[in-house]
Amino acid sequence: MRFSLVDRIVALQRGESITAIKNLSSAEEYLADHFPGFAVMPGVMMVETLVQAGAWLLRATDDFKDSVVLLKQARAVKFNNFVRPGQTLTVQLSLHSRGEGEATFKASGDVEGQNAVSARLTLVHFNLADRNPELAGSDASRVEVLRRQFAEIWQG
């Protein structure tokens, strides 16, 4: 992940739901341009926070079986409020359905009790070695890094 947008996981029910937080700091590099004089978290970053939280739920549920989790589809995305520096975006995702290699979530994010974003997300998950067996080593090293990151943000 180039941007790690989940600072802490505050609740996790494997196979069911996750609650995570993103503390927006004025030091976030992308805020300098979005928007000058009125810094707010870009909508795409709010959606990415939801995606990353969903990915952590999948990884925890499947004991880090897959090295890659990607957004396949975002539907019914609604932006209802701004997230400004100094505020915390609290995201909640519940697993809606699972199929082979993909999962659909109902997702939302709140700031100070007000809804900021909501969506229905479909994430795909797989290993690189599924497509090219020579990449099995890459999968293993990626999973090792992800396990360490998870240990830092989830104290459950």
C-alpha atoms as a PDB file:
ATOM      1  CA  MET A   1       0.000   0.000   0.000  1.00  0.00           C
ATOM      2  CA  ARG A   2       1.405   3.337  -0.935  1.00  0.00           C
ATOM      3  CA  PHE A   3      -1.006   5.139   1.388  1.00  0.00           C
ATOM      4  CA  SER A   4      -1.841   3.326   4.587  1.00  0.00           C
ATOM      5  CA  LEU A   5      -5.221   4.819   5.404  1.00  0.00           C
ATOM      6  CA  VAL A   6      -6.179   2.598   8.331  1.00  0.00           C
ATOM      7  CA  ASP A   7      -4.497   3.879  11.478  1.00  0.00           C
ATOM      8  CA  ARG A   8      -6.141   1.450  13.871  1.00  0.00           C
ATOM      9  CA  ILE A   9      -8.691  -1.348  13.853  1.00  0.00           C
ATOM     10  CA  VAL A  10     -10.989  -0.869  16.836  1.00  0.00           C
ATOM     11  CA  ALA A  11     -13.336  -3.847  16.340  1.00  0.00           C
ATOM     12  CA  LEU A  12     -13.080  -7.012  14.292  1.00  0.00           C
ATOM     13  CA  GLN A  13     -15.410  -9.967  13.952  1.00  0.00           C
ATOM     14  CA  ARG A  14     -13.752 -12.329  11.512  1.00  0.00           C
ATOM     15  CA  GLY A  15     -16.059 -13.229   8.650  1.00  0.00           C
ATOM     16  CA  GLU A  16     -18.559 -10.554   9.681  1.00  0.00           C
ATOM     17  CA  SER A  17     -17.462  -6.955  10.255  1.00  0.00           C
ATOM     18  CA  ILE A  18     -14.715  -4.467  10.973  1.00  0.00           C
ATOM     19  CA  THR A  19     -14.512  -0.979  12.448  1.00  0.00           C
ATOM     20  CA  ALA A  20     -11.382   1.061  11.786  1.00  0.00           C
ATOM     21  CA  ILE A  21     -10.239   4.649  12.079  1.00  0.00           C
ATOM     22  CA  LYS A  22      -8.257   7.082   9.981  1.00  0.00           C
ATOM     23  CA  ASN A  23      -6.999  10.179  11.788  1.00  0.00           C
ATOM     24  CA  LEU A  24      -6.637  12.911   9.197  1.00  0.00           C
ATOM     25  CA  SER A  25      -3.535  15.006   9.817  1.00  0.00           C
ATOM     26  CA  SER A  26      -2.674  18.319   8.193  1.00  0.00           C
ATOM     27  CA  ALA A  27       0.644  16.665   7.296  1.00  0.00           C
ATOM     28  CA  GLU A  28      -1.054  14.410   4.711  1.00  0.00           C
ATOM     29  CA  GLU A  29       0.721  15.299   1.472  1.00  0.00           C
ATOM     30  CA  TYR A  30      -2.366  15.261  -0.761  1.00  0.00           C
ATOM     31  CA  LEU A  31      -4.109  17.941   1.335  1.00  0.00           C
ATOM     32  CA  ALA A  32      -1.824  20.650  -0.045  1.00  0.00           C
ATOM     33  CA  ASP A  33      -3.738  20.553  -3.334  1.00  0.00           C
ATOM     34  CA  HIS A  34      -7.170  19.460  -2.132  1.00  0.00           C
ATOM     35  CA  PHE A  35      -8.141  22.268  -1.704  1.00  0.00           C
ATOM     36  CA  PRO A  36      -5.858  25.255  -1.028  1.00  0.00           C
ATOM     37  CA  GLY A  37      -7.398  27.209   1.840  1.00  0.00           C
ATOM     38  CA  PHE A  38     -10.013  24.491   2.501  1.00  0.00           C
ATOM     39  CA  ALA A  39      -8.195  21.201   3.048  1.00  0.00           C
ATOM     40  CA  VAL A  40     -10.462  18.152   2.919  1.00  0.00           C
ATOM     41  CA  MET A  41      -9.847  14.454   2.405  1.00  0.00           C
ATOM     42  CA  PRO A  42     -10.507  13.621  -1.260  1.00  0.00           C
ATOM     43  CA  GLY A  43     -13.487  11.360  -1.866  1.00  0.00           C
ATOM     44  CA  VAL A  44     -11.307   8.778  -3.575  1.00  0.00           C
ATOM     45  CA  MET A  45      -9.203   8.558  -0.400  1.00  0.00           C
ATOM     46  CA  MET A  46     -12.342   8.030   1.688  1.00  0.00           C
ATOM     47  CA  VAL A  47     -13.289   5.143  -0.603  1.00  0.00           C
ATOM     48  CA  GLU A  48      -9.737   3.795  -0.410  1.00  0.00           C
ATOM     49  CA  THR A  49      -9.998   3.832   3.398  1.00  0.00           C
ATOM     50  CA  LEU A  50     -13.117   1.669   3.091  1.00  0.00           C
ATOM     51  CA  VAL A  51     -11.317  -0.659   0.666  1.00  0.00           C
ATOM     52  CA  GLN A  52      -8.297  -1.028   2.953  1.00  0.00           C
ATOM     53  CA  ALA A  53     -10.495  -1.807   5.956  1.00  0.00           C
ATOM     54  CA  GLY A  54     -12.353  -4.437   3.919  1.00  0.00           C
ATOM     55  CA  ALA A  55      -9.032  -5.936   2.854  1.00  0.00           C
ATOM     56  CA  TRP A  56      -7.963  -6.248   6.503  1.00  0.00           C
ATOM     57  CA  LEU A  57     -11.231  -8.029   7.302  1.00  0.00           C
ATOM     58  CA  LEU A  58     -10.657 -10.511   4.457  1.00  0.00           C
ATOM     59  CA  ARG A  59      -7.051 -11.123   5.462  1.00  0.00           C
ATOM     60  CA  ALA A  60      -7.948 -11.678   9.111  1.00  0.00           C
ATOM     61  CA  THR A  61     -10.857 -13.948   8.178  1.00  0.00           C
ATOM     62  CA  ASP A  62      -8.781 -16.096   5.818  1.00  0.00           C
ATOM     63  CA  ASP A  63      -5.585 -16.090   7.927  1.00  0.00           C
ATOM     64  CA  PHE A  64      -3.724 -14.101   5.261  1.00  0.00           C
ATOM     65  CA  LYS A  65      -4.276 -16.795   2.622  1.00  0.00           C
ATOM     66  CA  ASP A  66      -4.091 -14.285  -0.260  1.00  0.00           C
ATOM     67  CA  SER A  67      -1.394 -11.700  -0.882  1.00  0.00           C
ATOM     68  CA  VAL A  68      -3.489  -9.391  -3.076  1.00  0.00           C
ATOM     69  CA  VAL A  69      -6.832  -7.710  -2.336  1.00  0.00           C
ATOM     70  CA  LEU A  70      -8.144  -5.222  -4.899  1.00  0.00           C
ATOM     71  CA  LEU A  71     -11.251  -3.172  -5.495  1.00  0.00           C
ATOM     72  CA  LYS A  72     -13.370  -4.710  -8.244  1.00  0.00           C
ATOM     73  CA  GLN A  73     -16.456  -2.519  -7.971  1.00  0.00           C
ATOM     74  CA  ALA A  74     -17.797   0.404  -5.956  1.00  0.00           C
ATOM     75  CA  ARG A  75     -21.549   0.932  -6.222  1.00  0.00           C
ATOM     76  CA  ALA A  76     -23.984   3.371  -4.639  1.00  0.00           C
ATOM     77  CA  VAL A  77     -21.128   5.600  -3.477  1.00  0.00           C
ATOM     78  CA  LYS A  78     -22.399   8.672  -1.634  1.00  0.00           C
ATOM     79  CA  PHE A  79     -20.387  11.509  -0.142  1.00  0.00           C
ATOM     80  CA  ASN A  80     -22.314  13.314   2.573  1.00  0.00           C
ATOM     81  CA  ASN A  81     -19.754  15.252   4.594  1.00  0.00           C
ATOM     82  CA  PHE A  82     -16.201  16.564   4.562  1.00  0.00           C
ATOM     83  CA  VAL A  83     -13.295  15.116   6.524  1.00  0.00           C
ATOM     84  CA  ARG A  84     -10.954  17.902   7.592  1.00  0.00           C
ATOM     85  CA  PRO A  85      -7.508  17.786   9.225  1.00  0.00           C
ATOM     86  CA  GLY A  86      -7.811  17.034  12.933  1.00  0.00           C
ATOM     87  CA  GLN A  87     -10.902  14.883  12.422  1.00  0.00           C
ATOM     88  CA  THR A  88     -11.238  11.110  12.564  1.00  0.00           C
ATOM     89  CA  LEU A  89     -12.971   9.073   9.888  1.00  0.00           C
ATOM     90  CA  THR A  90     -14.480   5.977  11.507  1.00  0.00           C
ATOM     91  CA  VAL A  91     -15.278   3.301   8.931  1.00  0.00           C
ATOM     92  CA  GLN A  92     -17.515   0.291   9.367  1.00  0.00           C
ATOM     93  CA  LEU A  93     -17.858  -2.579   6.944  1.00  0.00           C
ATOM     94  CA  SER A  94     -20.033  -5.641   7.141  1.00  0.00           C
ATOM     95  CA  LEU A  95     -19.593  -8.638   4.898  1.00  0.00           C
ATOM     96  CA  HIS A  96     -22.658  -8.915   2.674  1.00  0.00           C
ATOM     97  CA  SER A  97     -21.721 -11.920   0.520  1.00  0.00           C
ATOM     98  CA  ARG A  98     -18.772 -14.063  -0.528  1.00  0.00           C
ATOM     99  CA  GLY A  99     -18.022 -15.994  -3.685  1.00  0.00           C
ATOM    100  CA  GLU A 100     -14.962 -17.670  -5.096  1.00  0.00           C
ATOM    101  CA  GLY A 101     -12.199 -15.070  -4.932  1.00  0.00           C
ATOM    102  CA  GLU A 102     -14.419 -12.095  -4.141  1.00  0.00           C
ATOM    103  CA  ALA A 103     -16.429 -10.508  -1.347  1.00  0.00           C
ATOM    104  CA  THR A 104     -19.051  -7.772  -1.204  1.00  0.00           C
ATOM    105  CA  PHE A 105     -19.333  -5.341   1.691  1.00  0.00           C
ATOM    106  CA  LYS A 106     -21.751  -2.729   2.916  1.00  0.00           C
ATOM    107  CA  ALA A 107     -19.486   0.153   3.961  1.00  0.00           C
ATOM    108  CA  SER A 108     -19.803   3.535   5.612  1.00  0.00           C
ATOM    109  CA  GLY A 109     -17.624   6.195   7.187  1.00  0.00           C
ATOM    110  CA  ASP A 110     -18.606   8.727   9.852  1.00  0.00           C
ATOM    111  CA  VAL A 111     -17.028  11.907  11.189  1.00  0.00           C
ATOM    112  CA  GLU A 112     -18.171  13.187  14.568  1.00  0.00           C
ATOM    113  CA  GLY A 113     -21.361  11.140  14.337  1.00  0.00           C
ATOM    114  CA  GLN A 114     -22.246  12.363  10.845  1.00  0.00           C
ATOM    115  CA  ASN A 115     -22.096  10.124   7.785  1.00  0.00           C
ATOM    116  CA  ALA A 116     -19.315  11.171   5.399  1.00  0.00           C
ATOM    117  CA  VAL A 117     -19.288   8.302   2.884  1.00  0.00           C
ATOM    118  CA  SER A 118     -21.192   5.131   2.131  1.00  0.00           C
ATOM    119  CA  ALA A 119     -20.846   2.471  -0.557  1.00  0.00           C
ATOM    120  CA  ARG A 120     -21.282  -1.137  -1.523  1.00  0.00           C
ATOM    121  CA  LEU A 121     -17.850  -2.536  -2.386  1.00  0.00           C
ATOM    122  CA  THR A 122     -16.773  -5.717  -4.120  1.00  0.00           C
ATOM    123  CA  LEU A 123     -13.185  -6.792  -3.493  1.00  0.00           C
ATOM    124  CA  VAL A 124     -11.282  -9.562  -5.258  1.00  0.00           C
ATOM    125  CA  HIS A 125      -8.547 -11.535  -3.522  1.00  0.00           C
ATOM    126  CA  PHE A 126      -5.911 -13.889  -4.914  1.00  0.00           C
ATOM    127  CA  ASN A 127      -2.259 -14.843  -4.922  1.00  0.00           C
ATOM    128  CA  LEU A 128       0.111 -13.836  -7.696  1.00  0.00           C
ATOM    129  CA  ALA A 129       1.240 -17.468  -7.888  1.00  0.00           C
ATOM    130  CA  ASP A 130      -2.285 -18.423  -8.988  1.00  0.00           C
ATOM    131  CA  ARG A 131      -1.456 -16.705 -12.281  1.00  0.00           C
ATOM    132  CA  ASN A 132       2.291 -17.289 -12.376  1.00  0.00           C
ATOM    133  CA  PRO A 133       3.795 -19.989 -10.112  1.00  0.00           C
ATOM    134  CA  GLU A 134       7.182 -18.240 -10.234  1.00  0.00           C
ATOM    135  CA  LEU A 135       5.696 -15.469  -8.054  1.00  0.00           C
ATOM    136  CA  ALA A 136       5.072 -17.687  -5.012  1.00  0.00           C
ATOM    137  CA  GLY A 137       8.066 -16.124  -3.231  1.00  0.00           C
ATOM    138  CA  SER A 138       6.634 -12.670  -3.814  1.00  0.00           C
ATOM    139  CA  ASP A 139       3.324 -13.800  -2.287  1.00  0.00           C
ATOM    140  CA  ALA A 140       5.109 -15.132   0.796  1.00  0.00           C
ATOM    141  CA  SER A 141       7.118 -11.950   1.393  1.00  0.00           C
ATOM    142  CA  ARG A 142       4.043  -9.768   0.839  1.00  0.00           C
ATOM    143  CA  VAL A 143       2.015 -11.796   3.353  1.00  0.00           C
ATOM    144  CA  GLU A 144       4.839 -11.477   5.890  1.00  0.00           C
ATOM    145  CA  VAL A 145       4.798  -7.672   5.557  1.00  0.00           C
ATOM    146  CA  LEU A 146       0.990  -7.597   5.807  1.00  0.00           C
ATOM    147  CA  ARG A 147       1.023  -9.708   8.983  1.00  0.00           C
ATOM    148  CA  ARG A 148       3.433  -7.225  10.590  1.00  0.00           C
ATOM    149  CA  GLN A 149       1.285  -4.253   9.549  1.00  0.00           C
ATOM    150  CA  PHE A 150      -1.816  -5.972  10.902  1.00  0.00           C
ATOM    151  CA  ALA A 151      -0.112  -6.569  14.263  1.00  0.00           C
ATOM    152  CA  GLU A 152       0.585  -2.825  14.478  1.00  0.00           C
ATOM    153  CA  ILE A 153      -3.011  -1.699  13.844  1.00  0.00           C
ATOM    154  CA  TRP A 154      -5.011  -4.465  15.589  1.00  0.00           C
ATOM    155  CA  GLN A 155      -4.435  -5.204  19.232  1.00  0.00           C
ATOM    156  CA  GLY A 156      -7.333  -7.669  19.628  1.00  0.00           C
END
